[in-house]
Amino acid sequence: MNSSTTQRPLFQRIVSHLFALSTVLFMVGGLVIVVGQLAMIIVGDGDRAQSIADSLGPYVFGISTVAGLFAFVLSYFKRTGGEPRVE
């Protein structure tokens, strides 16, 4: 069996890995925001809770946008097994 028929194209593999990385980063960033705000609310520092969201939010939302764009690009690749795509 030819190895080129069983492997995904290089571009698809790169985009897939970048999608996974950006998804993990924005999930971790969101968790940091939520846990940080929760901690600040518990200690009664509402101003700092707001500043956590204000300072980290644009970066986390930017990374989530990048993850969405990678997901959009990945939707154009053919599926290589599993169940057929239903549209």
Protein backbone atom coordinates (compact mmCIF):
# COMPACT_ATOMS: atom_id res chain seq x y z
CA MET A 1 0.00 0.00 0.00
CA ASN A 2 1.30 3.43 -0.91
CA SER A 3 1.95 5.64 2.11
CA SER A 4 0.71 8.72 0.26
CA THR A 5 -2.79 7.24 0.03
CA THR A 6 -3.05 6.65 3.77
CA GLN A 7 -1.67 9.97 4.99
CA ARG A 8 -3.41 13.30 4.98
CA PRO A 9 -1.85 16.08 2.91
CA LEU A 10 0.79 18.16 4.70
CA PHE A 11 -1.30 21.33 4.62
CA GLN A 12 -4.24 19.53 6.20
CA ARG A 13 -2.04 18.10 8.95
CA ILE A 14 -0.56 21.52 9.70
CA VAL A 15 -3.98 23.19 9.83
CA SER A 16 -5.33 20.37 11.98
CA HIS A 17 -2.50 20.74 14.50
CA LEU A 18 -2.85 24.53 14.55
CA PHE A 19 -6.59 24.14 15.13
CA ALA A 20 -5.97 21.80 18.06
CA LEU A 21 -3.36 24.13 19.54
CA SER A 22 -5.51 27.24 19.19
CA THR A 23 -8.51 25.42 20.67
CA VAL A 24 -6.51 24.32 23.72
CA LEU A 25 -5.10 27.84 24.13
CA PHE A 26 -8.46 29.57 24.06
CA MET A 27 -10.01 27.00 26.40
CA VAL A 28 -7.16 27.45 28.88
CA GLY A 29 -7.40 31.23 28.49
CA GLY A 30 -11.13 31.13 29.17
CA LEU A 31 -10.54 28.98 32.21
CA VAL A 32 -7.94 31.43 33.52
CA ILE A 33 -10.41 34.30 33.09
CA VAL A 34 -13.25 32.48 34.85
CA VAL A 35 -11.16 31.11 37.72
CA GLY A 36 -9.42 34.46 38.17
CA GLN A 37 -12.72 36.31 38.29
CA LEU A 38 -14.19 33.75 40.67
CA ALA A 39 -11.22 34.12 43.01
CA MET A 40 -11.49 37.91 42.95
CA ILE A 41 -15.24 37.78 43.63
CA ILE A 42 -14.64 35.45 46.57
CA VAL A 43 -12.10 37.84 48.10
CA GLY A 44 -14.36 40.79 47.35
CA ASP A 45 -12.24 42.61 44.78
CA GLY A 46 -14.71 43.36 41.99
CA ASP A 47 -12.43 45.87 40.27
CA ARG A 48 -9.69 43.32 39.84
CA ALA A 49 -12.21 40.73 38.61
CA GLN A 50 -13.22 43.16 35.87
CA SER A 51 -9.61 43.98 35.03
CA ILE A 52 -8.84 40.28 34.51
CA ALA A 53 -11.48 40.07 31.80
CA ASP A 54 -10.44 43.41 30.31
CA SER A 55 -6.77 42.46 30.09
CA LEU A 56 -7.02 38.82 28.97
CA GLY A 57 -10.30 38.91 27.06
CA PRO A 58 -9.05 40.38 23.76
CA TYR A 59 -6.26 37.80 23.51
CA VAL A 60 -8.51 34.85 24.36
CA PHE A 61 -11.23 36.03 21.98
CA GLY A 62 -8.62 36.55 19.26
CA ILE A 63 -7.31 33.03 19.69
CA SER A 64 -10.85 31.64 19.58
CA THR A 65 -11.39 33.49 16.30
CA VAL A 66 -8.25 31.89 14.87
CA ALA A 67 -9.50 28.46 16.01
CA GLY A 68 -12.81 29.12 14.25
CA LEU A 69 -11.02 30.06 11.03
CA PHE A 70 -8.94 26.88 11.18
CA ALA A 71 -12.14 24.87 11.71
CA PHE A 72 -13.65 26.56 8.67
CA VAL A 73 -10.61 25.62 6.54
CA LEU A 74 -10.70 22.04 7.83
CA SER A 75 -14.35 21.72 6.79
CA TYR A 76 -13.23 21.86 3.15
CA PHE A 77 -11.10 18.72 3.34
CA LYS A 78 -12.51 15.34 2.40
CA ARG A 79 -13.16 12.95 5.23
CA THR A 80 -10.88 9.92 5.16
CA GLY A 81 -13.08 7.31 6.82
CA GLY A 82 -15.76 6.99 9.37
CA GLU A 83 -19.34 7.87 8.69
CA PRO A 84 -20.30 9.82 5.57
CA ARG A 85 -20.81 13.56 5.86
CA VAL A 86 -24.46 14.55 6.15
CA GLU A 87 -25.43 17.93 4.74
